[in-house]
All heavy atoms as atom14 arrays in JSON, in Angstrom:
{
  "sequence": "AGPSGIRGAPATSSVTEEVRQARADMAHALQTALADLEAMVAANA",
  "atom14_mask": [
    [1, 1, 1, 1, 1, 0, 0, 0, 0, 0, 0, 0, 0, 0],
    [1, 1, 1, 1, 0, 0, 0, 0, 0, 0, 0, 0, 0, 0],
    [1, 1, 1, 1, 1, 1, 1, 0, 0, 0, 0, 0, 0, 0],
    [1, 1, 1, 1, 1, 1, 0, 0, 0, 0, 0, 0, 0, 0],
    [1, 1, 1, 1, 0, 0, 0, 0, 0, 0, 0, 0, 0, 0],
    [1, 1, 1, 1, 1, 1, 1, 1, 0, 0, 0, 0, 0, 0],
    [1, 1, 1, 1, 1, 1, 1, 1, 1, 1, 1, 0, 0, 0],
    [1, 1, 1, 1, 0, 0, 0, 0, 0, 0, 0, 0, 0, 0],
    [1, 1, 1, 1, 1, 0, 0, 0, 0, 0, 0, 0, 0, 0],
    [1, 1, 1, 1, 1, 1, 1, 0, 0, 0, 0, 0, 0, 0],
    [1, 1, 1, 1, 1, 0, 0, 0, 0, 0, 0, 0, 0, 0],
    [1, 1, 1, 1, 1, 1, 1, 0, 0, 0, 0, 0, 0, 0],
    [1, 1, 1, 1, 1, 1, 0, 0, 0, 0, 0, 0, 0, 0],
    [1, 1, 1, 1, 1, 1, 0, 0, 0, 0, 0, 0, 0, 0],
    [1, 1, 1, 1, 1, 1, 1, 0, 0, 0, 0, 0, 0, 0],
    [1, 1, 1, 1, 1, 1, 1, 0, 0, 0, 0, 0, 0, 0],
    [1, 1, 1, 1, 1, 1, 1, 1, 1, 0, 0, 0, 0, 0],
    [1, 1, 1, 1, 1, 1, 1, 1, 1, 0, 0, 0, 0, 0],
    [1, 1, 1, 1, 1, 1, 1, 0, 0, 0, 0, 0, 0, 0],
    [1, 1, 1, 1, 1, 1, 1, 1, 1, 1, 1, 0, 0, 0],
    [1, 1, 1, 1, 1, 1, 1, 1, 1, 0, 0, 0, 0, 0],
    [1, 1, 1, 1, 1, 0, 0, 0, 0, 0, 0, 0, 0, 0],
    [1, 1, 1, 1, 1, 1, 1, 1, 1, 1, 1, 0, 0, 0],
    [1, 1, 1, 1, 1, 0, 0, 0, 0, 0, 0, 0, 0, 0],
    [1, 1, 1, 1, 1, 1, 1, 1, 0, 0, 0, 0, 0, 0],
    [1, 1, 1, 1, 1, 1, 1, 1, 0, 0, 0, 0, 0, 0],
    [1, 1, 1, 1, 1, 0, 0, 0, 0, 0, 0, 0, 0, 0],
    [1, 1, 1, 1, 1, 1, 1, 1, 1, 1, 0, 0, 0, 0],
    [1, 1, 1, 1, 1, 0, 0, 0, 0, 0, 0, 0, 0, 0],
    [1, 1, 1, 1, 1, 1, 1, 1, 0, 0, 0, 0, 0, 0],
    [1, 1, 1, 1, 1, 1, 1, 1, 1, 0, 0, 0, 0, 0],
    [1, 1, 1, 1, 1, 1, 1, 0, 0, 0, 0, 0, 0, 0],
    [1, 1, 1, 1, 1, 0, 0, 0, 0, 0, 0, 0, 0, 0],
    [1, 1, 1, 1, 1, 1, 1, 1, 0, 0, 0, 0, 0, 0],
    [1, 1, 1, 1, 1, 0, 0, 0, 0, 0, 0, 0, 0, 0],
    [1, 1, 1, 1, 1, 1, 1, 1, 0, 0, 0, 0, 0, 0],
    [1, 1, 1, 1, 1, 1, 1, 1, 0, 0, 0, 0, 0, 0],
    [1, 1, 1, 1, 1, 1, 1, 1, 1, 0, 0, 0, 0, 0],
    [1, 1, 1, 1, 1, 0, 0, 0, 0, 0, 0, 0, 0, 0],
    [1, 1, 1, 1, 1, 1, 1, 1, 0, 0, 0, 0, 0, 0],
    [1, 1, 1, 1, 1, 1, 1, 0, 0, 0, 0, 0, 0, 0],
    [1, 1, 1, 1, 1, 0, 0, 0, 0, 0, 0, 0, 0, 0],
    [1, 1, 1, 1, 1, 0, 0, 0, 0, 0, 0, 0, 0, 0],
    [1, 1, 1, 1, 1, 1, 1, 1, 0, 0, 0, 0, 0, 0],
    [1, 1, 1, 1, 1, 0, 0, 0, 0, 0, 0, 0, 0, 0]
  ],
  "atom14_positions": [
    [[-31.79, 36.99, 30.31], [-31.5, 35.57, 30.16], [-31.21, 35.28, 28.69], [-31.77, 35.9, 27.81], [-32.68, 34.74, 30.64], [0.0, 0.0, 0.0], [0.0, 0.0, 0.0], [0.0, 0.0, 0.0], [0.0, 0.0, 0.0], [0.0, 0.0, 0.0], [0.0, 0.0, 0.0], [0.0, 0.0, 0.0], [0.0, 0.0, 0.0], [0.0, 0.0, 0.0]],
    [[-30.33, 34.33, 28.45], [-29.98, 33.94, 27.09], [-31.03, 33.0, 26.51], [-32.08, 32.77, 27.12], [0.0, 0.0, 0.0], [0.0, 0.0, 0.0], [0.0, 0.0, 0.0], [0.0, 0.0, 0.0], [0.0, 0.0, 0.0], [0.0, 0.0, 0.0], [0.0, 0.0, 0.0], [0.0, 0.0, 0.0], [0.0, 0.0, 0.0], [0.0, 0.0, 0.0]],
    [[-30.76, 32.41, 25.35], [-31.72, 31.53, 24.68], [-32.13, 30.34, 25.54], [-33.22, 29.84, 25.42], [-31.0, 31.07, 23.42], [-29.75, 31.85, 23.32], [-29.54, 32.57, 24.61], [0.0, 0.0, 0.0], [0.0, 0.0, 0.0], [0.0, 0.0, 0.0], [0.0, 0.0, 0.0], [0.0, 0.0, 0.0], [0.0, 0.0, 0.0], [0.0, 0.0, 0.0]],
    [[-31.24, 29.89, 26.43], [-31.56, 28.74, 27.27], [-32.38, 29.14, 28.48], [-32.83, 28.29, 29.23], [-30.27, 28.06, 27.73], [-29.54, 28.97, 28.55], [0.0, 0.0, 0.0], [0.0, 0.0, 0.0], [0.0, 0.0, 0.0], [0.0, 0.0, 0.0], [0.0, 0.0, 0.0], [0.0, 0.0, 0.0], [0.0, 0.0, 0.0], [0.0, 0.0, 0.0]],
    [[-32.56, 30.46, 28.69], [-33.28, 30.93, 29.87], [-32.38, 31.08, 31.07], [-32.84, 31.43, 32.15], [0.0, 0.0, 0.0], [0.0, 0.0, 0.0], [0.0, 0.0, 0.0], [0.0, 0.0, 0.0], [0.0, 0.0, 0.0], [0.0, 0.0, 0.0], [0.0, 0.0, 0.0], [0.0, 0.0, 0.0], [0.0, 0.0, 0.0], [0.0, 0.0, 0.0]],
    [[-31.1, 30.83, 30.93], [-30.16, 30.92, 32.04], [-29.42, 32.24, 31.96], [-28.89, 32.6, 30.91], [-29.15, 29.75, 32.0], [-29.91, 28.42, 32.13], [-28.1, 29.9, 33.09], [-29.04, 27.21, 31.93], [0.0, 0.0, 0.0], [0.0, 0.0, 0.0], [0.0, 0.0, 0.0], [0.0, 0.0, 0.0], [0.0, 0.0, 0.0], [0.0, 0.0, 0.0]],
    [[-29.38, 32.93, 33.06], [-28.63, 34.18, 33.11], [-27.15, 33.86, 33.26], [-26.78, 32.99, 34.01], [-29.09, 35.04, 34.28], [-30.49, 35.54, 34.11], [-30.85, 36.46, 35.27], [-32.24, 36.84, 35.18], [-32.68, 37.87, 34.46], [-31.85, 38.61, 33.79], [-33.97, 38.15, 34.43], [0.0, 0.0, 0.0], [0.0, 0.0, 0.0], [0.0, 0.0, 0.0]],
    [[-26.33, 34.58, 32.56], [-24.89, 34.35, 32.62], [-24.17, 35.61, 33.04], [-24.77, 36.67, 33.18], [0.0, 0.0, 0.0], [0.0, 0.0, 0.0], [0.0, 0.0, 0.0], [0.0, 0.0, 0.0], [0.0, 0.0, 0.0], [0.0, 0.0, 0.0], [0.0, 0.0, 0.0], [0.0, 0.0, 0.0], [0.0, 0.0, 0.0], [0.0, 0.0, 0.0]],
    [[-22.9, 35.46, 33.25], [-22.06, 36.62, 33.54], [-22.0, 37.48, 32.3], [-22.11, 36.98, 31.17], [-20.68, 36.16, 33.96], [0.0, 0.0, 0.0], [0.0, 0.0, 0.0], [0.0, 0.0, 0.0], [0.0, 0.0, 0.0], [0.0, 0.0, 0.0], [0.0, 0.0, 0.0], [0.0, 0.0, 0.0], [0.0, 0.0, 0.0], [0.0, 0.0, 0.0]],
    [[-21.86, 38.78, 32.46], [-21.82, 39.64, 31.29], [-20.63, 39.32, 30.39], [-19.54, 39.03, 30.88], [-21.69, 41.04, 31.88], [-21.25, 40.85, 33.28], [-21.67, 39.49, 33.7], [0.0, 0.0, 0.0], [0.0, 0.0, 0.0], [0.0, 0.0, 0.0], [0.0, 0.0, 0.0], [0.0, 0.0, 0.0], [0.0, 0.0, 0.0], [0.0, 0.0, 0.0]],
    [[-20.86, 39.38, 29.1], [-19.77, 39.17, 28.14], [-18.88, 40.41, 28.17], [-19.35, 41.53, 28.25], [-20.33, 38.96, 26.75], [0.0, 0.0, 0.0], [0.0, 0.0, 0.0], [0.0, 0.0, 0.0], [0.0, 0.0, 0.0], [0.0, 0.0, 0.0], [0.0, 0.0, 0.0], [0.0, 0.0, 0.0], [0.0, 0.0, 0.0], [0.0, 0.0, 0.0]],
    [[-17.59, 40.18, 28.15], [-16.66, 41.31, 28.14], [-15.62, 41.07, 27.07], [-15.45, 39.97, 26.57], [-15.93, 41.46, 29.5], [-15.07, 40.33, 29.67], [-16.9, 41.55, 30.65], [0.0, 0.0, 0.0], [0.0, 0.0, 0.0], [0.0, 0.0, 0.0], [0.0, 0.0, 0.0], [0.0, 0.0, 0.0], [0.0, 0.0, 0.0], [0.0, 0.0, 0.0]],
    [[-14.91, 42.14, 26.74], [-13.86, 42.01, 25.75], [-12.6, 41.38, 26.36], [-11.66, 41.11, 25.66], [-13.53, 43.39, 25.16], [-13.11, 44.25, 26.19], [0.0, 0.0, 0.0], [0.0, 0.0, 0.0], [0.0, 0.0, 0.0], [0.0, 0.0, 0.0], [0.0, 0.0, 0.0], [0.0, 0.0, 0.0], [0.0, 0.0, 0.0], [0.0, 0.0, 0.0]],
    [[-12.61, 41.16, 27.69], [-11.43, 40.61, 28.35], [-11.46, 39.08, 28.42], [-10.69, 38.49, 29.16], [-11.29, 41.19, 29.76], [-12.4, 40.79, 30.54], [0.0, 0.0, 0.0], [0.0, 0.0, 0.0], [0.0, 0.0, 0.0], [0.0, 0.0, 0.0], [0.0, 0.0, 0.0], [0.0, 0.0, 0.0], [0.0, 0.0, 0.0], [0.0, 0.0, 0.0]],
    [[-12.35, 38.44, 27.67], [-12.42, 36.98, 27.66], [-11.13, 36.45, 27.04], [-10.73, 36.86, 25.96], [-13.65, 36.5, 26.87], [-13.63, 34.99, 26.71], [-14.92, 36.94, 27.56], [0.0, 0.0, 0.0], [0.0, 0.0, 0.0], [0.0, 0.0, 0.0], [0.0, 0.0, 0.0], [0.0, 0.0, 0.0], [0.0, 0.0, 0.0], [0.0, 0.0, 0.0]],
    [[-10.5, 35.54, 27.75], [-9.22, 35.01, 27.29], [-9.41, 33.93, 26.23], [-10.5, 33.38, 26.07], [-8.44, 34.4, 28.47], [-9.17, 33.25, 28.93], [-8.24, 35.39, 29.6], [0.0, 0.0, 0.0], [0.0, 0.0, 0.0], [0.0, 0.0, 0.0], [0.0, 0.0, 0.0], [0.0, 0.0, 0.0], [0.0, 0.0, 0.0], [0.0, 0.0, 0.0]],
    [[-8.34, 33.62, 25.55], [-8.38, 32.55, 24.55], [-8.7, 31.21, 25.23], [-9.4, 30.37, 24.65], [-7.03, 32.46, 23.8], [-7.03, 31.43, 22.7], [-8.16, 31.61, 21.68], [-8.51, 32.76, 21.36], [-8.7, 30.59, 21.21], [0.0, 0.0, 0.0], [0.0, 0.0, 0.0], [0.0, 0.0, 0.0], [0.0, 0.0, 0.0], [0.0, 0.0, 0.0]],
    [[-8.22, 31.02, 26.45], [-8.5, 29.79, 27.18], [-10.01, 29.64, 27.43], [-10.57, 28.56, 27.27], [-7.75, 29.8, 28.52], [-7.94, 28.55, 29.32], [-7.16, 28.57, 30.62], [-6.71, 29.66, 31.06], [-7.01, 27.5, 31.21], [0.0, 0.0, 0.0], [0.0, 0.0, 0.0], [0.0, 0.0, 0.0], [0.0, 0.0, 0.0], [0.0, 0.0, 0.0]],
    [[-10.67, 30.75, 27.77], [-12.12, 30.72, 27.98], [-12.83, 30.45, 26.66], [-13.76, 29.64, 26.6], [-12.6, 32.04, 28.62], [-14.12, 32.13, 28.61], [-12.06, 32.18, 30.03], [0.0, 0.0, 0.0], [0.0, 0.0, 0.0], [0.0, 0.0, 0.0], [0.0, 0.0, 0.0], [0.0, 0.0, 0.0], [0.0, 0.0, 0.0], [0.0, 0.0, 0.0]],
    [[-12.39, 31.09, 25.59], [-13.0, 30.84, 24.28], [-12.87, 29.37, 23.89], [-13.8, 28.76, 23.37], [-12.35, 31.71, 23.2], [-12.85, 33.14, 23.15], [-12.35, 33.8, 21.87], [-12.04, 35.18, 21.87], [-11.33, 35.9, 22.74], [-10.83, 35.37, 23.79], [-11.12, 37.18, 22.58], [0.0, 0.0, 0.0], [0.0, 0.0, 0.0], [0.0, 0.0, 0.0]],
    [[-11.69, 28.79, 24.14], [-11.47, 27.38, 23.81], [-12.34, 26.48, 24.67], [-12.9, 25.5, 24.17], [-9.99, 27.01, 23.97], [-9.67, 25.61, 23.52], [-9.98, 25.38, 22.04], [-9.57, 26.14, 21.19], [-10.74, 24.35, 21.74], [0.0, 0.0, 0.0], [0.0, 0.0, 0.0], [0.0, 0.0, 0.0], [0.0, 0.0, 0.0], [0.0, 0.0, 0.0]],
    [[-12.46, 26.79, 25.95], [-13.31, 25.99, 26.84], [-14.76, 26.03, 26.36], [-15.45, 25.01, 26.34], [-13.19, 26.49, 28.27], [0.0, 0.0, 0.0], [0.0, 0.0, 0.0], [0.0, 0.0, 0.0], [0.0, 0.0, 0.0], [0.0, 0.0, 0.0], [0.0, 0.0, 0.0], [0.0, 0.0, 0.0], [0.0, 0.0, 0.0], [0.0, 0.0, 0.0]],
    [[-15.22, 27.2, 25.96], [-16.59, 27.32, 25.44], [-16.76, 26.5, 24.17], [-17.77, 25.81, 23.99], [-16.92, 28.78, 25.14], [-17.13, 29.61, 26.37], [-17.38, 31.06, 26.0], [-17.57, 31.88, 27.18], [-17.55, 33.19, 27.17], [-17.32, 33.86, 26.04], [-17.74, 33.86, 28.28], [0.0, 0.0, 0.0], [0.0, 0.0, 0.0], [0.0, 0.0, 0.0]],
    [[-15.78, 26.56, 23.29], [-15.85, 25.79, 22.05], [-15.84, 24.29, 22.34], [-16.58, 23.52, 21.72], [-14.69, 26.16, 21.12], [0.0, 0.0, 0.0], [0.0, 0.0, 0.0], [0.0, 0.0, 0.0], [0.0, 0.0, 0.0], [0.0, 0.0, 0.0], [0.0, 0.0, 0.0], [0.0, 0.0, 0.0], [0.0, 0.0, 0.0], [0.0, 0.0, 0.0]],
    [[-15.01, 23.86, 23.3], [-14.95, 22.45, 23.67], [-16.29, 21.97, 24.21], [-16.76, 20.89, 23.88], [-13.86, 22.21, 24.72], [-12.46, 22.37, 24.19], [-12.28, 22.46, 22.95], [-11.52, 22.44, 25.03], [0.0, 0.0, 0.0], [0.0, 0.0, 0.0], [0.0, 0.0, 0.0], [0.0, 0.0, 0.0], [0.0, 0.0, 0.0], [0.0, 0.0, 0.0]],
    [[-16.9, 22.8, 25.08], [-18.19, 22.42, 25.66], [-19.25, 22.36, 24.57], [-20.04, 21.41, 24.52], [-18.61, 23.39, 26.75], [-19.94, 23.0, 27.38], [-20.47, 24.09, 28.7], [-19.33, 23.64, 29.98], [0.0, 0.0, 0.0], [0.0, 0.0, 0.0], [0.0, 0.0, 0.0], [0.0, 0.0, 0.0], [0.0, 0.0, 0.0], [0.0, 0.0, 0.0]],
    [[-19.29, 23.35, 23.69], [-20.28, 23.37, 22.63], [-20.13, 22.13, 21.74], [-21.12, 21.48, 21.38], [-20.16, 24.64, 21.8], [0.0, 0.0, 0.0], [0.0, 0.0, 0.0], [0.0, 0.0, 0.0], [0.0, 0.0, 0.0], [0.0, 0.0, 0.0], [0.0, 0.0, 0.0], [0.0, 0.0, 0.0], [0.0, 0.0, 0.0], [0.0, 0.0, 0.0]],
    [[-18.89, 21.79, 21.4], [-18.65, 20.62, 20.56], [-19.11, 19.34, 21.26], [-19.78, 18.49, 20.64], [-17.17, 20.52, 20.18], [-16.86, 19.3, 19.38], [-17.24, 19.15, 18.06], [-16.23, 18.15, 19.73], [-16.85, 17.96, 17.63], [-16.24, 17.34, 18.63], [0.0, 0.0, 0.0], [0.0, 0.0, 0.0], [0.0, 0.0, 0.0], [0.0, 0.0, 0.0]],
    [[-18.76, 19.18, 22.52], [-19.15, 17.97, 23.27], [-20.67, 17.85, 23.35], [-21.22, 16.76, 23.16], [-18.53, 17.99, 24.66], [0.0, 0.0, 0.0], [0.0, 0.0, 0.0], [0.0, 0.0, 0.0], [0.0, 0.0, 0.0], [0.0, 0.0, 0.0], [0.0, 0.0, 0.0], [0.0, 0.0, 0.0], [0.0, 0.0, 0.0], [0.0, 0.0, 0.0]],
    [[-21.35, 18.96, 23.6], [-22.81, 18.93, 23.71], [-23.47, 18.67, 22.35], [-24.43, 17.9, 22.26], [-23.32, 20.22, 24.32], [-23.0, 20.41, 25.8], [-23.37, 21.81, 26.25], [-23.68, 19.35, 26.65], [0.0, 0.0, 0.0], [0.0, 0.0, 0.0], [0.0, 0.0, 0.0], [0.0, 0.0, 0.0], [0.0, 0.0, 0.0], [0.0, 0.0, 0.0]],
    [[-22.94, 19.29, 21.3], [-23.51, 19.09, 19.96], [-23.34, 17.64, 19.52], [-24.26, 17.05, 18.94], [-22.87, 20.04, 18.96], [-23.3, 21.47, 19.17], [-22.42, 22.47, 18.42], [-21.36, 22.13, 17.92], [-22.86, 23.72, 18.38], [0.0, 0.0, 0.0], [0.0, 0.0, 0.0], [0.0, 0.0, 0.0], [0.0, 0.0, 0.0], [0.0, 0.0, 0.0]],
    [[-22.18, 17.06, 19.79], [-21.92, 15.67, 19.43], [-22.85, 14.74, 20.2], [-23.44, 13.82, 19.62], [-20.45, 15.32, 19.7], [-19.62, 16.19, 18.92], [-20.14, 13.88, 19.34], [0.0, 0.0, 0.0], [0.0, 0.0, 0.0], [0.0, 0.0, 0.0], [0.0, 0.0, 0.0], [0.0, 0.0, 0.0], [0.0, 0.0, 0.0], [0.0, 0.0, 0.0]],
    [[-22.98, 14.97, 21.51], [-23.85, 14.13, 22.33], [-25.3, 14.25, 21.88], [-26.02, 13.25, 21.78], [-23.72, 14.52, 23.8], [0.0, 0.0, 0.0], [0.0, 0.0, 0.0], [0.0, 0.0, 0.0], [0.0, 0.0, 0.0], [0.0, 0.0, 0.0], [0.0, 0.0, 0.0], [0.0, 0.0, 0.0], [0.0, 0.0, 0.0], [0.0, 0.0, 0.0]],
    [[-25.74, 15.47, 21.58], [-27.11, 15.67, 21.12], [-27.36, 14.95, 19.79], [-28.4, 14.29, 19.62], [-27.41, 17.16, 20.98], [-28.82, 17.52, 20.54], [-29.86, 16.97, 21.51], [-28.96, 19.03, 20.4], [0.0, 0.0, 0.0], [0.0, 0.0, 0.0], [0.0, 0.0, 0.0], [0.0, 0.0, 0.0], [0.0, 0.0, 0.0], [0.0, 0.0, 0.0]],
    [[-26.42, 15.04, 18.88], [-26.57, 14.34, 17.6], [-26.66, 12.83, 17.81], [-27.5, 12.16, 17.18], [-25.41, 14.68, 16.67], [0.0, 0.0, 0.0], [0.0, 0.0, 0.0], [0.0, 0.0, 0.0], [0.0, 0.0, 0.0], [0.0, 0.0, 0.0], [0.0, 0.0, 0.0], [0.0, 0.0, 0.0], [0.0, 0.0, 0.0], [0.0, 0.0, 0.0]],
    [[-25.83, 12.29, 18.7], [-25.87, 10.86, 19.0], [-27.22, 10.46, 19.6], [-27.81, 9.45, 19.21], [-24.75, 10.46, 19.96], [-23.37, 10.54, 19.33], [-23.27, 10.66, 18.08], [-22.38, 10.5, 20.1], [0.0, 0.0, 0.0], [0.0, 0.0, 0.0], [0.0, 0.0, 0.0], [0.0, 0.0, 0.0], [0.0, 0.0, 0.0], [0.0, 0.0, 0.0]],
    [[-27.72, 11.27, 20.55], [-29.0, 10.97, 21.18], [-30.15, 11.08, 20.18], [-31.07, 10.25, 20.2], [-29.23, 11.89, 22.38], [-28.38, 11.59, 23.61], [-28.5, 12.71, 24.63], [-28.78, 10.25, 24.22], [0.0, 0.0, 0.0], [0.0, 0.0, 0.0], [0.0, 0.0, 0.0], [0.0, 0.0, 0.0], [0.0, 0.0, 0.0], [0.0, 0.0, 0.0]],
    [[-30.1, 12.08, 19.31], [-31.15, 12.23, 18.29], [-31.17, 11.02, 17.35], [-32.23, 10.54, 16.97], [-30.96, 13.52, 17.52], [-31.33, 14.75, 18.32], [-31.01, 16.06, 17.61], [-30.16, 16.07, 16.69], [-31.6, 17.07, 18.0], [0.0, 0.0, 0.0], [0.0, 0.0, 0.0], [0.0, 0.0, 0.0], [0.0, 0.0, 0.0], [0.0, 0.0, 0.0]],
    [[-29.99, 10.52, 16.99], [-29.92, 9.33, 16.14], [-30.51, 8.11, 16.85], [-31.21, 7.3, 16.22], [-28.47, 9.06, 15.73], [0.0, 0.0, 0.0], [0.0, 0.0, 0.0], [0.0, 0.0, 0.0], [0.0, 0.0, 0.0], [0.0, 0.0, 0.0], [0.0, 0.0, 0.0], [0.0, 0.0, 0.0], [0.0, 0.0, 0.0], [0.0, 0.0, 0.0]],
    [[-30.26, 7.99, 18.15], [-30.82, 6.87, 18.92], [-32.33, 6.98, 19.01], [-33.04, 5.98, 18.9], [-30.2, 6.82, 20.31], [-28.78, 6.32, 20.3], [-28.13, 6.31, 21.98], [-26.47, 6.85, 21.66], [0.0, 0.0, 0.0], [0.0, 0.0, 0.0], [0.0, 0.0, 0.0], [0.0, 0.0, 0.0], [0.0, 0.0, 0.0], [0.0, 0.0, 0.0]],
    [[-32.85, 8.2, 19.23], [-34.3, 8.39, 19.29], [-34.92, 8.03, 17.94], [-35.94, 7.34, 17.89], [-34.64, 9.84, 19.7], [-36.12, 10.16, 19.46], [-34.27, 10.1, 21.15], [0.0, 0.0, 0.0], [0.0, 0.0, 0.0], [0.0, 0.0, 0.0], [0.0, 0.0, 0.0], [0.0, 0.0, 0.0], [0.0, 0.0, 0.0], [0.0, 0.0, 0.0]],
    [[-34.3, 8.47, 16.86], [-34.81, 8.17, 15.52], [-34.83, 6.67, 15.26], [-35.72, 6.16, 14.57], [-33.97, 8.88, 14.46], [0.0, 0.0, 0.0], [0.0, 0.0, 0.0], [0.0, 0.0, 0.0], [0.0, 0.0, 0.0], [0.0, 0.0, 0.0], [0.0, 0.0, 0.0], [0.0, 0.0, 0.0], [0.0, 0.0, 0.0], [0.0, 0.0, 0.0]],
    [[-33.86, 5.96, 15.83], [-33.78, 4.51, 15.65], [-34.56, 3.75, 16.73], [-34.53, 2.52, 16.79], [-32.32, 4.06, 15.66], [0.0, 0.0, 0.0], [0.0, 0.0, 0.0], [0.0, 0.0, 0.0], [0.0, 0.0, 0.0], [0.0, 0.0, 0.0], [0.0, 0.0, 0.0], [0.0, 0.0, 0.0], [0.0, 0.0, 0.0], [0.0, 0.0, 0.0]],
    [[-35.25, 4.51, 17.62], [-35.99, 3.93, 18.74], [-35.09, 3.05, 19.61], [-35.48, 1.97, 20.06], [-37.21, 3.14, 18.25], [-38.23, 2.93, 19.35], [-38.3, 3.73, 20.3], [-39.01, 1.88, 19.24], [0.0, 0.0, 0.0], [0.0, 0.0, 0.0], [0.0, 0.0, 0.0], [0.0, 0.0, 0.0], [0.0, 0.0, 0.0], [0.0, 0.0, 0.0]],
    [[-33.85, 3.51, 19.81], [-32.88, 2.76, 20.6], [-32.78, 3.33, 22.02], [-32.92, 4.53, 22.22], [-31.5, 2.83, 19.94], [0.0, 0.0, 0.0], [0.0, 0.0, 0.0], [0.0, 0.0, 0.0], [0.0, 0.0, 0.0], [0.0, 0.0, 0.0], [0.0, 0.0, 0.0], [0.0, 0.0, 0.0], [0.0, 0.0, 0.0], [0.0, 0.0, 0.0]]
  ]
}
């Protein structure tokens, strides 16, 4: 299992650029949302 405790498909060298971009898009969306939520928690909002 990875850091999140979720088992994933094995990483391979055949990962396409489209998959890499999708992963980057998801990571960015989640990081942005988390930062927004953390700011709201800090402001007790």
